[in-house]
Amino acid sequence: MADSEKRKAYWRANLRLTLVLLVIWFSISYLCGIVFVEQLNAIRIGGYKLGFWFAQQGSMYGFIAIIFFYASRMAALDRKFDVNE
């Protein structure tokens, strides 16, 4: 694989991962915390309505999970395309 093709493939994989994680981030923060809050409030976790939980704490747990997942996947991509440090 030529160096230029390798860089393009790496960039495509990077953008694809970023796009997927941004969609998940949007779903957690906007859809679960705002749009579907009424439907989620019908479910309770630990005495709190699920919509409230997503808006207050669930989104933070989701964001932290996204950060760790992104770091691990980027490390794997870096090794795969031999651009690791």
PDB file of N, CA and C in Angstrom:
ATOM      1  N   MET A   1       0.854  -1.178   0.000  1.00  0.00           N
ATOM      2  CA  MET A   1       0.000   0.000   0.000  1.00  0.00           C
ATOM      3  C   MET A   1       0.898   1.238   0.000  1.00  0.00           C
ATOM      4  N   ALA A   2       0.635   2.135  -0.916  1.00  0.00           N
ATOM      5  CA  ALA A   2       1.431   3.359  -1.008  1.00  0.00           C
ATOM      6  C   ALA A   2       1.196   4.236   0.220  1.00  0.00           C
ATOM      7  N   ASP A   3       2.178   5.076   0.503  1.00  0.00           N
ATOM      8  CA  ASP A   3       2.090   5.933   1.687  1.00  0.00           C
ATOM      9  C   ASP A   3       0.863   6.840   1.643  1.00  0.00           C
ATOM     10  N   SER A   4       0.562   7.398   0.477  1.00  0.00           N
ATOM     11  CA  SER A   4      -0.601   8.274   0.327  1.00  0.00           C
ATOM     12  C   SER A   4      -1.904   7.512   0.561  1.00  0.00           C
ATOM     13  N   GLU A   5      -1.982   6.303   0.013  1.00  0.00           N
ATOM     14  CA  GLU A   5      -3.188   5.483   0.204  1.00  0.00           C
ATOM     15  C   GLU A   5      -3.338   5.083   1.666  1.00  0.00           C
ATOM     16  N   LYS A   6      -2.220   4.795   2.308  1.00  0.00           N
ATOM     17  CA  LYS A   6      -2.239   4.416   3.718  1.00  0.00           C
ATOM     18  C   LYS A   6      -2.738   5.566   4.583  1.00  0.00           C
ATOM     19  N   ARG A   7      -2.285   6.770   4.292  1.00  0.00           N
ATOM     20  CA  ARG A   7      -2.747   7.941   5.047  1.00  0.00           C
ATOM     21  C   ARG A   7      -4.225   8.194   4.823  1.00  0.00           C
ATOM     22  N   LYS A   8      -4.687   8.032   3.590  1.00  0.00           N
ATOM     23  CA  LYS A   8      -6.113   8.227   3.296  1.00  0.00           C
ATOM     24  C   LYS A   8      -6.967   7.178   3.994  1.00  0.00           C
ATOM     25  N   ALA A   9      -6.515   5.945   4.006  1.00  0.00           N
ATOM     26  CA  ALA A   9      -7.265   4.879   4.680  1.00  0.00           C
ATOM     27  C   ALA A   9      -7.312   5.127   6.189  1.00  0.00           C
ATOM     28  N   TYR A  10      -6.200   5.573   6.751  1.00  0.00           N
ATOM     29  CA  TYR A  10      -6.156   5.895   8.175  1.00  0.00           C
ATOM     30  C   TYR A  10      -7.123   7.034   8.486  1.00  0.00           C
ATOM     31  N   TRP A  11      -7.107   8.062   7.674  1.00  0.00           N
ATOM     32  CA  TRP A  11      -7.983   9.207   7.887  1.00  0.00           C
ATOM     33  C   TRP A  11      -9.444   8.811   7.767  1.00  0.00           C
ATOM     34  N   ARG A  12      -9.777   7.965   6.774  1.00  0.00           N
ATOM     35  CA  ARG A  12     -11.158   7.490   6.616  1.00  0.00           C
ATOM     36  C   ARG A  12     -11.606   6.705   7.850  1.00  0.00           C
ATOM     37  N   ALA A  13     -10.740   5.828   8.344  1.00  0.00           N
ATOM     38  CA  ALA A  13     -11.079   5.048   9.535  1.00  0.00           C
ATOM     39  C   ALA A  13     -11.255   5.958  10.743  1.00  0.00           C
ATOM     40  N   ASN A  14     -10.409   6.956  10.853  1.00  0.00           N
ATOM     41  CA  ASN A  14     -10.504   7.928  11.942  1.00  0.00           C
ATOM     42  C   ASN A  14     -11.817   8.705  11.859  1.00  0.00           C
ATOM     43  N   LEU A  15     -12.162   9.184  10.683  1.00  0.00           N
ATOM     44  CA  LEU A  15     -13.411   9.935  10.511  1.00  0.00           C
ATOM     45  C   LEU A  15     -14.637   9.061  10.764  1.00  0.00           C
ATOM     46  N   ARG A  16     -14.582   7.813  10.315  1.00  0.00           N
ATOM     47  CA  ARG A  16     -15.709   6.907  10.523  1.00  0.00           C
ATOM     48  C   ARG A  16     -15.934   6.674  12.027  1.00  0.00           C
ATOM     49  N   LEU A  17     -14.858   6.425  12.752  1.00  0.00           N
ATOM     50  CA  LEU A  17     -14.962   6.233  14.195  1.00  0.00           C
ATOM     51  C   LEU A  17     -15.503   7.478  14.881  1.00  0.00           C
ATOM     52  N   THR A  18     -14.983   8.631  14.500  1.00  0.00           N
ATOM     53  CA  THR A  18     -15.435   9.893  15.088  1.00  0.00           C
ATOM     54  C   THR A  18     -16.907  10.140  14.802  1.00  0.00           C
ATOM     55  N   LEU A  19     -17.340   9.879  13.583  1.00  0.00           N
ATOM     56  CA  LEU A  19     -18.744  10.087  13.224  1.00  0.00           C
ATOM     57  C   LEU A  19     -19.665   9.167  14.022  1.00  0.00           C
ATOM     58  N   VAL A  20     -19.294   7.897  14.144  1.00  0.00           N
ATOM     59  CA  VAL A  20     -20.122   6.957  14.909  1.00  0.00           C
ATOM     60  C   VAL A  20     -20.228   7.402  16.366  1.00  0.00           C
ATOM     61  N   LEU A  21     -19.103   7.810  16.949  1.00  0.00           N
ATOM     62  CA  LEU A  21     -19.122   8.233  18.347  1.00  0.00           C
ATOM     63  C   LEU A  21     -19.877   9.545  18.539  1.00  0.00           C
ATOM     64  N   LEU A  22     -19.834  10.429  17.560  1.00  0.00           N
ATOM     65  CA  LEU A  22     -20.626  11.661  17.650  1.00  0.00           C
ATOM     66  C   LEU A  22     -22.120  11.377  17.581  1.00  0.00           C
ATOM     67  N   VAL A  23     -22.513  10.402  16.778  1.00  0.00           N
ATOM     68  CA  VAL A  23     -23.925  10.013  16.708  1.00  0.00           C
ATOM     69  C   VAL A  23     -24.368   9.424  18.051  1.00  0.00           C
ATOM     70  N   ILE A  24     -23.513   8.594  18.651  1.00  0.00           N
ATOM     71  CA  ILE A  24     -23.832   8.039  19.971  1.00  0.00           C
ATOM     72  C   ILE A  24     -23.909   9.154  21.001  1.00  0.00           C
ATOM     73  N   TRP A  25     -22.954  10.071  20.969  1.00  0.00           N
ATOM     74  CA  TRP A  25     -22.956  11.210  21.893  1.00  0.00           C
ATOM     75  C   TRP A  25     -24.238  12.026  21.739  1.00  0.00           C
ATOM     76  N   PHE A  26     -24.635  12.311  20.497  1.00  0.00           N
ATOM     77  CA  PHE A  26     -25.864  13.060  20.235  1.00  0.00           C
ATOM     78  C   PHE A  26     -27.075  12.311  20.778  1.00  0.00           C
ATOM     79  N   SER A  27     -27.112  11.003  20.551  1.00  0.00           N
ATOM     80  CA  SER A  27     -28.238  10.201  21.028  1.00  0.00           C
ATOM     81  C   SER A  27     -28.352  10.238  22.543  1.00  0.00           C
ATOM     82  N   ILE A  28     -27.219  10.116  23.216  1.00  0.00           N
ATOM     83  CA  ILE A  28     -27.236  10.124  24.675  1.00  0.00           C
ATOM     84  C   ILE A  28     -27.633  11.496  25.209  1.00  0.00           C
ATOM     85  N   SER A  29     -26.997  12.533  24.693  1.00  0.00           N
ATOM     86  CA  SER A  29     -27.205  13.867  25.272  1.00  0.00           C
ATOM     87  C   SER A  29     -28.512  14.508  24.837  1.00  0.00           C
ATOM     88  N   TYR A  30     -28.803  14.487  23.568  1.00  0.00           N
ATOM     89  CA  TYR A  30     -29.970  15.214  23.072  1.00  0.00           C
ATOM     90  C   TYR A  30     -31.228  14.353  23.060  1.00  0.00           C
ATOM     91  N   LEU A  31     -31.150  13.194  22.447  1.00  0.00           N
ATOM     92  CA  LEU A  31     -32.352  12.376  22.312  1.00  0.00           C
ATOM     93  C   LEU A  31     -32.819  11.821  23.658  1.00  0.00           C
ATOM     94  N   CYS A  32     -31.905  11.193  24.410  1.00  0.00           N
ATOM     95  CA  CYS A  32     -32.312  10.588  25.691  1.00  0.00           C
ATOM     96  C   CYS A  32     -32.565  11.632  26.766  1.00  0.00           C
ATOM     97  N   GLY A  33     -31.822  12.742  26.743  1.00  0.00           N
ATOM     98  CA  GLY A  33     -31.962  13.752  27.790  1.00  0.00           C
ATOM     99  C   GLY A  33     -33.025  14.794  27.524  1.00  0.00           C
ATOM    100  N   ILE A  34     -33.444  14.966  26.262  1.00  0.00           N
ATOM    101  CA  ILE A  34     -34.388  16.042  25.948  1.00  0.00           C
ATOM    102  C   ILE A  34     -35.603  15.530  25.165  1.00  0.00           C
ATOM    103  N   VAL A  35     -35.366  14.908  24.018  1.00  0.00           N
ATOM    104  CA  VAL A  35     -36.471  14.551  23.121  1.00  0.00           C
ATOM    105  C   VAL A  35     -37.344  13.429  23.694  1.00  0.00           C
ATOM    106  N   PHE A  36     -36.718  12.356  24.171  1.00  0.00           N
ATOM    107  CA  PHE A  36     -37.474  11.206  24.656  1.00  0.00           C
ATOM    108  C   PHE A  36     -37.616  11.192  26.174  1.00  0.00           C
ATOM    109  N   VAL A  37     -37.467  12.341  26.798  1.00  0.00           N
ATOM    110  CA  VAL A  37     -37.493  12.393  28.262  1.00  0.00           C
ATOM    111  C   VAL A  37     -38.835  11.932  28.830  1.00  0.00           C
ATOM    112  N   GLU A  38     -39.922  12.271  28.204  1.00  0.00           N
ATOM    113  CA  GLU A  38     -41.238  11.877  28.720  1.00  0.00           C
ATOM    114  C   GLU A  38     -41.424  10.363  28.666  1.00  0.00           C
ATOM    115  N   GLN A  39     -41.022   9.744  27.571  1.00  0.00           N
ATOM    116  CA  GLN A  39     -41.139   8.295  27.456  1.00  0.00           C
ATOM    117  C   GLN A  39     -40.206   7.598  28.451  1.00  0.00           C
ATOM    118  N   LEU A  40     -38.996   8.136  28.622  1.00  0.00           N
ATOM    119  CA  LEU A  40     -38.038   7.532  29.543  1.00  0.00           C
ATOM    120  C   LEU A  40     -38.433   7.733  30.997  1.00  0.00           C
ATOM    121  N   ASN A  41     -39.180   8.790  31.287  1.00  0.00           N
ATOM    122  CA  ASN A  41     -39.595   9.051  32.661  1.00  0.00           C
ATOM    123  C   ASN A  41     -40.589   8.016  33.183  1.00  0.00           C
ATOM    124  N   ALA A  42     -41.158   7.225  32.302  1.00  0.00           N
ATOM    125  CA  ALA A  42     -42.065   6.163  32.733  1.00  0.00           C
ATOM    126  C   ALA A  42     -41.297   5.032  33.417  1.00  0.00           C
ATOM    127  N   ILE A  43     -39.972   4.993  33.213  1.00  0.00           N
ATOM    128  CA  ILE A  43     -39.109   3.965  33.814  1.00  0.00           C
ATOM    129  C   ILE A  43     -38.334   4.604  34.955  1.00  0.00           C
ATOM    130  N   ARG A  44     -38.193   3.876  36.045  1.00  0.00           N
ATOM    131  CA  ARG A  44     -37.446   4.406  37.199  1.00  0.00           C
ATOM    132  C   ARG A  44     -36.213   3.550  37.470  1.00  0.00           C
ATOM    133  N   ILE A  45     -35.126   4.243  37.818  1.00  0.00           N
ATOM    134  CA  ILE A  45     -33.880   3.584  38.232  1.00  0.00           C
ATOM    135  C   ILE A  45     -33.468   4.193  39.556  1.00  0.00           C
ATOM    136  N   GLY A  46     -33.355   3.375  40.570  1.00  0.00           N
ATOM    137  CA  GLY A  46     -32.947   3.872  41.886  1.00  0.00           C
ATOM    138  C   GLY A  46     -33.874   4.932  42.448  1.00  0.00           C
ATOM    139  N   GLY A  47     -35.144   4.881  42.090  1.00  0.00           N
ATOM    140  CA  GLY A  47     -36.100   5.852  42.587  1.00  0.00           C
ATOM    141  C   GLY A  47     -36.220   7.106  41.733  1.00  0.00           C
ATOM    142  N   TYR A  48     -35.359   7.245  40.734  1.00  0.00           N
ATOM    143  CA  TYR A  48     -35.387   8.431  39.869  1.00  0.00           C
ATOM    144  C   TYR A  48     -35.929   8.064  38.498  1.00  0.00           C
ATOM    145  N   LYS A  49     -36.576   8.995  37.874  1.00  0.00           N
ATOM    146  CA  LYS A  49     -37.079   8.777  36.519  1.00  0.00           C
ATOM    147  C   LYS A  49     -35.896   8.649  35.576  1.00  0.00           C
ATOM    148  N   LEU A  50     -36.006   7.740  34.609  1.00  0.00           N
ATOM    149  CA  LEU A  50     -34.894   7.454  33.702  1.00  0.00           C
ATOM    150  C   LEU A  50     -34.527   8.670  32.851  1.00  0.00           C
ATOM    151  N   GLY A  51     -35.493   9.464  32.429  1.00  0.00           N
ATOM    152  CA  GLY A  51     -35.201  10.673  31.653  1.00  0.00           C
ATOM    153  C   GLY A  51     -34.377  11.664  32.451  1.00  0.00           C
ATOM    154  N   PHE A  52     -34.730  11.835  33.702  1.00  0.00           N
ATOM    155  CA  PHE A  52     -33.961  12.711  34.593  1.00  0.00           C
ATOM    156  C   PHE A  52     -32.557  12.155  34.789  1.00  0.00           C
ATOM    157  N   TRP A  53     -32.466  10.839  34.985  1.00  0.00           N
ATOM    158  CA  TRP A  53     -31.161  10.209  35.198  1.00  0.00           C
ATOM    159  C   TRP A  53     -30.253  10.419  33.997  1.00  0.00           C
ATOM    160  N   PHE A  54     -30.790  10.243  32.777  1.00  0.00           N
ATOM    161  CA  PHE A  54     -29.985  10.466  31.572  1.00  0.00           C
ATOM    162  C   PHE A  54     -29.530  11.919  31.485  1.00  0.00           C
ATOM    163  N   ALA A  55     -30.418  12.831  31.776  1.00  0.00           N
ATOM    164  CA  ALA A  55     -30.082  14.251  31.665  1.00  0.00           C
ATOM    165  C   ALA A  55     -29.036  14.658  32.697  1.00  0.00           C
ATOM    166  N   GLN A  56     -29.062  14.073  33.878  1.00  0.00           N
ATOM    167  CA  GLN A  56     -28.175  14.500  34.960  1.00  0.00           C
ATOM    168  C   GLN A  56     -26.912  13.664  35.072  1.00  0.00           C
ATOM    169  N   GLN A  57     -27.023  12.347  35.031  1.00  0.00           N
ATOM    170  CA  GLN A  57     -25.860  11.506  35.295  1.00  0.00           C
ATOM    171  C   GLN A  57     -25.557  10.525  34.179  1.00  0.00           C
ATOM    172  N   GLY A  58     -26.555   9.999  33.561  1.00  0.00           N
ATOM    173  CA  GLY A  58     -26.343   8.986  32.528  1.00  0.00           C
ATOM    174  C   GLY A  58     -25.519   9.493  31.373  1.00  0.00           C
ATOM    175  N   SER A  59     -25.732  10.734  30.997  1.00  0.00           N
ATOM    176  CA  SER A  59     -24.960  11.285  29.887  1.00  0.00           C
ATOM    177  C   SER A  59     -23.484  11.389  30.239  1.00  0.00           C
ATOM    178  N   MET A  60     -23.171  11.718  31.488  1.00  0.00           N
ATOM    179  CA  MET A  60     -21.756  11.791  31.890  1.00  0.00           C
ATOM    180  C   MET A  60     -21.100  10.420  31.824  1.00  0.00           C
ATOM    181  N   TYR A  61     -21.798   9.380  32.292  1.00  0.00           N
ATOM    182  CA  TYR A  61     -21.252   8.027  32.195  1.00  0.00           C
ATOM    183  C   TYR A  61     -21.053   7.636  30.728  1.00  0.00           C
ATOM    184  N   GLY A  62     -22.012   8.003  29.905  1.00  0.00           N
ATOM    185  CA  GLY A  62     -21.884   7.727  28.470  1.00  0.00           C
ATOM    186  C   GLY A  62     -20.700   8.438  27.856  1.00  0.00           C
ATOM    187  N   PHE A  63     -20.490   9.696  28.217  1.00  0.00           N
ATOM    188  CA  PHE A  63     -19.368  10.456  27.672  1.00  0.00           C
ATOM    189  C   PHE A  63     -18.037   9.869  28.097  1.00  0.00           C
ATOM    190  N   ILE A  64     -17.938   9.447  29.345  1.00  0.00           N
ATOM    191  CA  ILE A  64     -16.692   8.834  29.822  1.00  0.00           C
ATOM    192  C   ILE A  64     -16.440   7.520  29.089  1.00  0.00           C
ATOM    193  N   ALA A  65     -17.491   6.744  28.888  1.00  0.00           N
ATOM    194  CA  ALA A  65     -17.347   5.488  28.144  1.00  0.00           C
ATOM    195  C   ALA A  65     -16.898   5.771  26.716  1.00  0.00           C
ATOM    196  N   ILE A  66     -17.432   6.812  26.094  1.00  0.00           N
ATOM    197  CA  ILE A  66     -17.035   7.186  24.737  1.00  0.00           C
ATOM    198  C   ILE A  66     -15.558   7.569  24.696  1.00  0.00           C
ATOM    199  N   ILE A  67     -15.093   8.317  25.680  1.00  0.00           N
ATOM    200  CA  ILE A  67     -13.689   8.733  25.723  1.00  0.00           C
ATOM    201  C   ILE A  67     -12.766   7.519  25.798  1.00  0.00           C
ATOM    202  N   PHE A  68     -13.062   6.583  26.701  1.00  0.00           N
ATOM    203  CA  PHE A  68     -12.212   5.398  26.830  1.00  0.00           C
ATOM    204  C   PHE A  68     -12.280   4.521  25.581  1.00  0.00           C
ATOM    205  N   PHE A  69     -13.471   4.374  25.008  1.00  0.00           N
ATOM    206  CA  PHE A  69     -13.606   3.592  23.782  1.00  0.00           C
ATOM    207  C   PHE A  69     -12.825   4.236  22.643  1.00  0.00           C
ATOM    208  N   TYR A  70     -12.935   5.555  22.507  1.00  0.00           N
ATOM    209  CA  TYR A  70     -12.204   6.265  21.451  1.00  0.00           C
ATOM    210  C   TYR A  70     -10.697   6.088  21.620  1.00  0.00           C
ATOM    211  N   ALA A  71     -10.216   6.218  22.836  1.00  0.00           N
ATOM    212  CA  ALA A  71      -8.777   6.077  23.082  1.00  0.00           C
ATOM    213  C   ALA A  71      -8.289   4.679  22.717  1.00  0.00           C
ATOM    214  N   SER A  72      -9.050   3.662  23.098  1.00  0.00           N
ATOM    215  CA  SER A  72      -8.618   2.300  22.787  1.00  0.00           C
ATOM    216  C   SER A  72      -8.695   2.011  21.291  1.00  0.00           C
ATOM    217  N   ARG A  73      -9.751   2.460  20.638  1.00  0.00           N
ATOM    218  CA  ARG A  73      -9.879   2.227  19.188  1.00  0.00           C
ATOM    219  C   ARG A  73      -8.825   2.997  18.400  1.00  0.00           C
ATOM    220  N   MET A  74      -8.516   4.218  18.822  1.00  0.00           N
ATOM    221  CA  MET A  74      -7.482   4.981  18.115  1.00  0.00           C
ATOM    222  C   MET A  74      -6.113   4.350  18.312  1.00  0.00           C
ATOM    223  N   ALA A  75      -5.852   3.803  19.483  1.00  0.00           N
ATOM    224  CA  ALA A  75      -4.588   3.096  19.702  1.00  0.00           C
ATOM    225  C   ALA A  75      -4.497   1.889  18.769  1.00  0.00           C
ATOM    226  N   ALA A  76      -5.611   1.173  18.603  1.00  0.00           N
ATOM    227  CA  ALA A  76      -5.631   0.024  17.692  1.00  0.00           C
ATOM    228  C   ALA A  76      -5.445   0.473  16.245  1.00  0.00           C
ATOM    229  N   LEU A  77      -6.101   1.563  15.863  1.00  0.00           N
ATOM    230  CA  LEU A  77      -5.931   2.088  14.501  1.00  0.00           C
ATOM    231  C   LEU A  77      -4.503   2.547  14.265  1.00  0.00           C
ATOM    232  N   ASP A  78      -3.915   3.192  15.245  1.00  0.00           N
ATOM    233  CA  ASP A  78      -2.527   3.643  15.112  1.00  0.00           C
ATOM    234  C   ASP A  78      -1.589   2.463  14.900  1.00  0.00           C
ATOM    235  N   ARG A  79      -1.808   1.378  15.647  1.00  0.00           N
ATOM    236  CA  ARG A  79      -0.970   0.187  15.466  1.00  0.00           C
ATOM    237  C   ARG A  79      -1.214  -0.449  14.102  1.00  0.00           C
ATOM    238  N   LYS A  80      -2.475  -0.504  13.688  1.00  0.00           N
ATOM    239  CA  LYS A  80      -2.811  -1.121  12.413  1.00  0.00           C
ATOM    240  C   LYS A  80      -2.147  -0.387  11.247  1.00  0.00           C
ATOM    241  N   PHE A  81      -2.156   0.942  11.289  1.00  0.00           N
ATOM    242  CA  PHE A  81      -1.587   1.725  10.197  1.00  0.00           C
ATOM    243  C   PHE A  81      -0.148   2.160  10.481  1.00  0.00           C
ATOM    244  N   ASP A  82       0.426   1.639  11.544  1.00  0.00           N
ATOM    245  CA  ASP A  82       1.811   1.889  11.912  1.00  0.00           C
ATOM    246  C   ASP A  82       2.123   3.383  12.053  1.00  0.00           C
ATOM    247  N   VAL A  83       1.254   4.074  12.760  1.00  0.00           N
ATOM    248  CA  VAL A  83       1.487   5.501  13.067  1.00  0.00           C
ATOM    249  C   VAL A  83       1.518   5.729  14.572  1.00  0.00           C
ATOM    250  N   ASN A  84       1.707   4.622  15.328  1.00  0.00           N
ATOM    251  CA  ASN A  84       1.736   4.756  16.782  1.00  0.00           C
ATOM    252  C   ASN A  84       3.055   5.382  17.224  1.00  0.00           C
ATOM    253  N   GLU A  85       3.026   5.899  18.436  1.00  0.00           N
ATOM    254  CA  GLU A  85       4.217   6.580  18.951  1.00  0.00           C
ATOM    255  C   GLU A  85       5.158   5.623  19.609  1.00  0.00           C
TER     256      GLU A  85
END
